[in-house]
N, C-alpha and C. Protein backbone atom coordinates (compact mmCIF):
# COMPACT_ATOMS: atom_id res chain seq x y z
N MET A 1 12.84 -40.18 -161.37
CA MET A 1 12.89 -40.96 -160.16
C MET A 1 11.56 -41.66 -159.89
N ALA A 2 10.45 -40.98 -160.15
CA ALA A 2 9.13 -41.56 -159.86
C ALA A 2 8.86 -42.79 -160.72
N LYS A 3 9.22 -42.74 -161.99
CA LYS A 3 8.98 -43.88 -162.87
C LYS A 3 9.83 -45.08 -162.47
N THR A 4 11.07 -44.83 -162.08
CA THR A 4 11.94 -45.92 -161.63
C THR A 4 11.39 -46.55 -160.36
N LEU A 5 10.97 -45.72 -159.43
CA LEU A 5 10.39 -46.22 -158.18
C LEU A 5 9.11 -47.00 -158.46
N ALA A 6 8.28 -46.49 -159.37
CA ALA A 6 7.03 -47.17 -159.71
C ALA A 6 7.30 -48.55 -160.31
N GLN A 7 8.28 -48.65 -161.18
CA GLN A 7 8.61 -49.94 -161.79
C GLN A 7 9.14 -50.92 -160.77
N SER A 8 9.97 -50.44 -159.83
CA SER A 8 10.52 -51.35 -158.83
C SER A 8 9.46 -51.83 -157.84
N ILE A 9 8.46 -51.00 -157.57
CA ILE A 9 7.39 -51.39 -156.64
C ILE A 9 6.37 -52.30 -157.33
N SER A 10 5.97 -51.94 -158.54
CA SER A 10 4.88 -52.66 -159.20
C SER A 10 5.25 -54.08 -159.60
N GLY A 11 6.48 -54.32 -159.96
CA GLY A 11 6.89 -55.65 -160.41
C GLY A 11 6.66 -56.75 -159.40
N PRO A 12 7.37 -56.75 -158.26
CA PRO A 12 7.25 -57.86 -157.31
C PRO A 12 5.91 -57.92 -156.59
N HIS A 13 5.25 -56.80 -156.38
CA HIS A 13 3.99 -56.81 -155.63
C HIS A 13 2.81 -57.25 -156.49
N HIS A 14 2.88 -57.01 -157.80
CA HIS A 14 1.78 -57.39 -158.69
C HIS A 14 1.56 -58.90 -158.68
N GLU A 15 2.62 -59.66 -158.53
CA GLU A 15 2.51 -61.12 -158.51
C GLU A 15 1.75 -61.63 -157.29
N HIS A 16 1.72 -60.85 -156.22
CA HIS A 16 1.07 -61.26 -154.97
C HIS A 16 -0.32 -60.66 -154.82
N GLY A 17 -0.88 -60.11 -155.87
CA GLY A 17 -2.23 -59.57 -155.82
C GLY A 17 -2.33 -58.20 -155.20
N VAL A 18 -1.21 -57.48 -155.11
CA VAL A 18 -1.21 -56.14 -154.55
C VAL A 18 -1.34 -55.15 -155.71
N ALA A 19 -2.38 -54.32 -155.65
CA ALA A 19 -2.61 -53.34 -156.71
C ALA A 19 -1.76 -52.10 -156.47
N PHE A 20 -1.04 -51.67 -157.50
CA PHE A 20 -0.19 -50.49 -157.42
C PHE A 20 -0.60 -49.50 -158.50
N LYS A 21 -0.74 -48.23 -158.14
CA LYS A 21 -1.07 -47.18 -159.10
C LYS A 21 -0.19 -45.96 -158.85
N ARG A 22 0.15 -45.27 -159.93
CA ARG A 22 0.91 -44.03 -159.86
C ARG A 22 0.03 -42.90 -160.37
N ILE A 23 -0.02 -41.80 -159.61
CA ILE A 23 -0.80 -40.63 -160.00
C ILE A 23 0.16 -39.48 -160.23
N GLN A 24 0.18 -38.94 -161.43
CA GLN A 24 0.97 -37.75 -161.75
C GLN A 24 0.05 -36.55 -161.57
N PHE A 25 0.26 -35.79 -160.51
CA PHE A 25 -0.60 -34.65 -160.23
C PHE A 25 -0.24 -33.48 -161.14
N THR A 26 -1.26 -32.89 -161.75
CA THR A 26 -1.11 -31.75 -162.64
C THR A 26 -2.15 -30.70 -162.26
N PRO A 27 -1.99 -29.46 -162.72
CA PRO A 27 -2.96 -28.41 -162.36
C PRO A 27 -4.38 -28.68 -162.86
N ASP A 28 -4.55 -29.51 -163.89
CA ASP A 28 -5.89 -29.77 -164.42
C ASP A 28 -6.49 -31.09 -163.93
N LEU A 29 -5.85 -31.76 -162.97
CA LEU A 29 -6.36 -33.03 -162.45
C LEU A 29 -7.57 -32.77 -161.54
N MET A 30 -8.67 -33.45 -161.82
CA MET A 30 -9.90 -33.26 -161.05
C MET A 30 -10.03 -34.37 -160.00
N PRO A 31 -10.79 -34.13 -158.92
CA PRO A 31 -10.96 -35.16 -157.89
C PRO A 31 -11.48 -36.49 -158.45
N GLY A 32 -12.40 -36.44 -159.39
CA GLY A 32 -12.94 -37.66 -159.99
C GLY A 32 -11.90 -38.47 -160.74
N ASP A 33 -10.84 -37.82 -161.20
CA ASP A 33 -9.78 -38.52 -161.90
C ASP A 33 -9.02 -39.47 -160.98
N ILE A 34 -8.98 -39.17 -159.69
CA ILE A 34 -8.25 -40.04 -158.77
C ILE A 34 -9.18 -40.90 -157.92
N THR A 35 -10.41 -40.45 -157.70
CA THR A 35 -11.33 -41.22 -156.86
C THR A 35 -12.15 -42.22 -157.66
N GLY A 36 -12.42 -41.88 -158.89
CA GLY A 36 -13.30 -42.70 -159.72
C GLY A 36 -14.55 -41.90 -160.05
N THR A 37 -15.35 -42.44 -160.94
CA THR A 37 -16.52 -41.69 -161.38
C THR A 37 -17.62 -42.63 -161.84
N PRO A 38 -18.87 -42.23 -161.71
CA PRO A 38 -19.96 -43.04 -162.25
C PRO A 38 -19.97 -42.96 -163.78
N VAL A 39 -20.14 -44.10 -164.41
CA VAL A 39 -20.17 -44.19 -165.87
C VAL A 39 -21.49 -44.86 -166.26
N TYR A 40 -22.16 -44.29 -167.26
CA TYR A 40 -23.45 -44.82 -167.70
C TYR A 40 -23.25 -46.11 -168.49
N ASN A 41 -23.96 -47.17 -168.08
CA ASN A 41 -23.94 -48.44 -168.79
C ASN A 41 -25.22 -48.53 -169.61
N SER A 42 -25.07 -48.48 -170.93
CA SER A 42 -26.25 -48.44 -171.80
C SER A 42 -26.97 -49.79 -171.88
N ARG A 43 -26.31 -50.86 -171.47
CA ARG A 43 -26.96 -52.18 -171.51
C ARG A 43 -28.05 -52.31 -170.45
N ASN A 44 -27.73 -51.89 -169.23
CA ASN A 44 -28.72 -52.00 -168.16
C ASN A 44 -29.30 -50.65 -167.75
N HIS A 45 -28.94 -49.58 -168.48
CA HIS A 45 -29.48 -48.24 -168.27
C HIS A 45 -29.29 -47.74 -166.85
N GLU A 46 -28.10 -48.00 -166.29
CA GLU A 46 -27.77 -47.54 -164.94
C GLU A 46 -26.35 -46.99 -164.93
N PHE A 47 -26.07 -46.21 -163.90
CA PHE A 47 -24.71 -45.73 -163.70
C PHE A 47 -23.94 -46.75 -162.86
N GLU A 48 -22.71 -47.03 -163.25
CA GLU A 48 -21.83 -47.92 -162.51
C GLU A 48 -20.61 -47.12 -162.07
N PHE A 49 -20.17 -47.34 -160.85
CA PHE A 49 -19.01 -46.62 -160.34
C PHE A 49 -17.73 -47.31 -160.82
N ARG A 50 -16.88 -46.56 -161.49
CA ARG A 50 -15.58 -47.06 -161.94
C ARG A 50 -14.53 -46.53 -160.97
N GLU A 51 -13.87 -47.43 -160.27
CA GLU A 51 -12.88 -47.05 -159.27
C GLU A 51 -11.68 -46.36 -159.89
N GLY A 52 -11.20 -45.33 -159.22
CA GLY A 52 -10.00 -44.62 -159.64
C GLY A 52 -8.77 -45.22 -158.99
N PRO A 53 -7.61 -44.63 -159.22
CA PRO A 53 -6.36 -45.18 -158.70
C PRO A 53 -6.25 -45.17 -157.18
N LEU A 54 -7.06 -44.38 -156.48
CA LEU A 54 -6.98 -44.38 -155.01
C LEU A 54 -7.47 -45.68 -154.39
N PHE A 55 -8.08 -46.54 -155.16
CA PHE A 55 -8.54 -47.83 -154.62
C PHE A 55 -7.43 -48.88 -154.64
N ALA A 56 -6.24 -48.54 -155.10
CA ALA A 56 -5.12 -49.48 -155.12
C ALA A 56 -4.56 -49.65 -153.71
N ASN A 57 -3.82 -50.73 -153.51
CA ASN A 57 -3.19 -50.98 -152.21
C ASN A 57 -2.03 -50.04 -151.95
N ILE A 58 -1.25 -49.76 -152.99
CA ILE A 58 -0.12 -48.84 -152.90
C ILE A 58 -0.31 -47.77 -153.97
N VAL A 59 -0.26 -46.50 -153.55
CA VAL A 59 -0.44 -45.39 -154.47
C VAL A 59 0.80 -44.50 -154.41
N LEU A 60 1.37 -44.20 -155.57
CA LEU A 60 2.49 -43.28 -155.67
C LEU A 60 1.94 -41.94 -156.14
N ALA A 61 1.94 -40.94 -155.26
CA ALA A 61 1.40 -39.61 -155.57
C ALA A 61 2.58 -38.71 -155.92
N ASP A 62 2.72 -38.41 -157.21
CA ASP A 62 3.87 -37.65 -157.70
C ASP A 62 3.51 -36.18 -157.89
N GLU A 63 4.27 -35.30 -157.26
CA GLU A 63 4.12 -33.84 -157.36
C GLU A 63 2.73 -33.37 -156.96
N ILE A 64 2.31 -33.77 -155.77
CA ILE A 64 0.98 -33.44 -155.28
C ILE A 64 0.77 -31.93 -155.14
N ASN A 65 1.83 -31.20 -154.92
CA ASN A 65 1.70 -29.75 -154.75
C ASN A 65 1.21 -29.04 -156.00
N ARG A 66 1.24 -29.68 -157.16
CA ARG A 66 0.77 -29.08 -158.40
C ARG A 66 -0.74 -29.20 -158.57
N ALA A 67 -1.39 -30.05 -157.80
CA ALA A 67 -2.82 -30.31 -157.96
C ALA A 67 -3.67 -29.24 -157.29
N PRO A 68 -4.90 -29.04 -157.78
CA PRO A 68 -5.82 -28.11 -157.12
C PRO A 68 -6.18 -28.59 -155.71
N ALA A 69 -6.63 -27.68 -154.89
CA ALA A 69 -6.95 -27.99 -153.49
C ALA A 69 -8.01 -29.08 -153.36
N LYS A 70 -9.02 -29.07 -154.21
CA LYS A 70 -10.08 -30.09 -154.11
C LYS A 70 -9.55 -31.48 -154.43
N THR A 71 -8.62 -31.58 -155.34
CA THR A 71 -8.03 -32.88 -155.67
C THR A 71 -7.15 -33.37 -154.52
N GLN A 72 -6.39 -32.46 -153.92
CA GLN A 72 -5.59 -32.82 -152.75
C GLN A 72 -6.50 -33.26 -151.61
N ALA A 73 -7.61 -32.57 -151.42
CA ALA A 73 -8.56 -32.92 -150.36
C ALA A 73 -9.13 -34.32 -150.57
N ALA A 74 -9.39 -34.70 -151.82
CA ALA A 74 -9.90 -36.04 -152.12
C ALA A 74 -8.86 -37.10 -151.73
N LEU A 75 -7.60 -36.81 -152.00
CA LEU A 75 -6.52 -37.73 -151.61
C LEU A 75 -6.44 -37.86 -150.10
N PHE A 76 -6.49 -36.73 -149.39
CA PHE A 76 -6.39 -36.76 -147.94
C PHE A 76 -7.60 -37.44 -147.29
N GLU A 77 -8.77 -37.28 -147.88
CA GLU A 77 -9.96 -37.97 -147.37
C GLU A 77 -9.78 -39.48 -147.45
N ALA A 78 -9.27 -39.94 -148.57
CA ALA A 78 -9.04 -41.38 -148.74
C ALA A 78 -8.02 -41.90 -147.73
N MET A 79 -7.00 -41.11 -147.47
CA MET A 79 -5.97 -41.53 -146.53
C MET A 79 -6.46 -41.52 -145.09
N GLU A 80 -7.12 -40.45 -144.69
CA GLU A 80 -7.50 -40.29 -143.29
C GLU A 80 -8.79 -41.02 -142.93
N GLU A 81 -9.80 -40.88 -143.75
CA GLU A 81 -11.12 -41.42 -143.42
C GLU A 81 -11.39 -42.78 -144.04
N ARG A 82 -10.45 -43.26 -144.88
CA ARG A 82 -10.56 -44.56 -145.54
C ARG A 82 -11.85 -44.67 -146.35
N GLN A 83 -12.24 -43.53 -146.96
CA GLN A 83 -13.41 -43.52 -147.82
C GLN A 83 -13.20 -42.51 -148.93
N ILE A 84 -13.97 -42.65 -150.00
CA ILE A 84 -13.93 -41.76 -151.13
C ILE A 84 -15.34 -41.29 -151.39
N THR A 85 -15.52 -39.98 -151.55
CA THR A 85 -16.85 -39.43 -151.80
C THR A 85 -16.96 -39.05 -153.27
N SER A 86 -17.96 -39.64 -153.93
CA SER A 86 -18.23 -39.33 -155.33
C SER A 86 -19.72 -39.07 -155.46
N ARG A 87 -20.07 -37.93 -156.01
CA ARG A 87 -21.47 -37.51 -156.16
C ARG A 87 -22.21 -37.53 -154.83
N LYS A 88 -21.54 -37.07 -153.81
CA LYS A 88 -22.07 -36.95 -152.44
C LYS A 88 -22.37 -38.29 -151.79
N GLU A 89 -21.82 -39.37 -152.34
CA GLU A 89 -22.00 -40.70 -151.77
C GLU A 89 -20.65 -41.27 -151.35
N PRO A 90 -20.47 -41.55 -150.04
CA PRO A 90 -19.19 -42.12 -149.61
C PRO A 90 -19.07 -43.60 -149.99
N THR A 91 -17.88 -43.99 -150.40
CA THR A 91 -17.57 -45.37 -150.74
C THR A 91 -16.34 -45.78 -149.96
N ALA A 92 -16.41 -46.89 -149.25
CA ALA A 92 -15.28 -47.34 -148.45
C ALA A 92 -14.14 -47.79 -149.35
N CYS A 93 -12.91 -47.47 -148.93
CA CYS A 93 -11.73 -47.95 -149.64
C CYS A 93 -11.57 -49.44 -149.37
N ARG A 94 -10.74 -50.06 -150.18
CA ARG A 94 -10.49 -51.49 -149.96
C ARG A 94 -9.96 -51.73 -148.56
N LYS A 95 -10.24 -52.89 -148.05
CA LYS A 95 -9.86 -53.25 -146.69
C LYS A 95 -8.35 -53.16 -146.48
N HIS A 96 -7.58 -53.51 -147.49
CA HIS A 96 -6.13 -53.57 -147.30
C HIS A 96 -5.38 -52.42 -147.96
N SER A 97 -6.08 -51.36 -148.39
CA SER A 97 -5.34 -50.23 -148.94
C SER A 97 -4.69 -49.50 -147.78
N SER A 98 -3.38 -49.32 -147.86
CA SER A 98 -2.74 -48.79 -146.66
C SER A 98 -1.58 -47.85 -146.91
N THR A 99 -1.02 -47.77 -148.09
CA THR A 99 0.20 -46.99 -148.24
C THR A 99 0.09 -46.00 -149.38
N VAL A 100 0.51 -44.77 -149.08
CA VAL A 100 0.60 -43.74 -150.11
C VAL A 100 2.01 -43.17 -150.06
N LEU A 101 2.67 -43.11 -151.20
CA LEU A 101 3.99 -42.50 -151.30
C LEU A 101 3.84 -41.14 -151.96
N PHE A 102 4.37 -40.11 -151.32
CA PHE A 102 4.35 -38.76 -151.91
C PHE A 102 5.73 -38.48 -152.46
N LEU A 103 5.80 -37.98 -153.68
CA LEU A 103 7.08 -37.60 -154.26
C LEU A 103 7.06 -36.13 -154.64
N SER A 104 8.13 -35.47 -154.34
CA SER A 104 8.35 -34.13 -154.87
C SER A 104 9.74 -34.15 -155.48
N SER A 105 10.20 -33.05 -155.97
CA SER A 105 11.50 -33.04 -156.64
C SER A 105 12.66 -33.28 -155.69
N TRP A 106 12.44 -33.15 -154.39
CA TRP A 106 13.56 -33.28 -153.48
C TRP A 106 13.36 -34.21 -152.30
N SER A 107 12.19 -34.83 -152.17
CA SER A 107 12.00 -35.71 -151.01
C SER A 107 10.95 -36.78 -151.28
N ILE A 108 11.01 -37.81 -150.45
CA ILE A 108 10.01 -38.87 -150.47
C ILE A 108 9.42 -38.96 -149.07
N ILE A 109 8.11 -38.95 -148.98
CA ILE A 109 7.43 -39.08 -147.69
C ILE A 109 6.56 -40.32 -147.77
N LEU A 110 6.74 -41.23 -146.84
CA LEU A 110 5.96 -42.46 -146.82
C LEU A 110 4.90 -42.34 -145.74
N THR A 111 3.66 -42.57 -146.11
CA THR A 111 2.54 -42.51 -145.17
C THR A 111 1.84 -43.86 -145.17
N SER A 112 1.63 -44.42 -144.00
CA SER A 112 0.96 -45.69 -143.90
C SER A 112 -0.16 -45.60 -142.88
N ARG A 113 -1.33 -46.12 -143.24
CA ARG A 113 -2.47 -46.13 -142.32
C ARG A 113 -2.48 -47.45 -141.58
N LYS A 114 -2.82 -47.39 -140.33
CA LYS A 114 -2.97 -48.61 -139.54
C LYS A 114 -4.25 -49.32 -139.94
N LYS A 115 -4.19 -50.63 -140.04
CA LYS A 115 -5.38 -51.41 -140.35
C LYS A 115 -6.17 -51.65 -139.08
N PRO A 116 -7.50 -51.54 -139.14
CA PRO A 116 -8.32 -51.72 -137.93
C PRO A 116 -8.26 -53.15 -137.42
């Protein structure tokens, strides 16, 4: 069901510049896997932040109950506080990121944040 829903959402919205990402939550998923992580750039000898899937406009969170508590907390921080913390540094989410879909084996919960 999640893959079908992801395909139906990503197709029409991608044409309008809306970023869509699907996250399959597993017991070994780390917070950095969904928030993003600093990556060393050997050309300029600095770390650059690579955004994770939580920076998309629409995020499909599949089987969130399987993820560790810290990974779930990272998702909830992005939803509630509209920021992502990586290496103790908060980074604001995109201005128009607003919708997270939660999927479990028996229900769909739609959560939308109000834009300021």
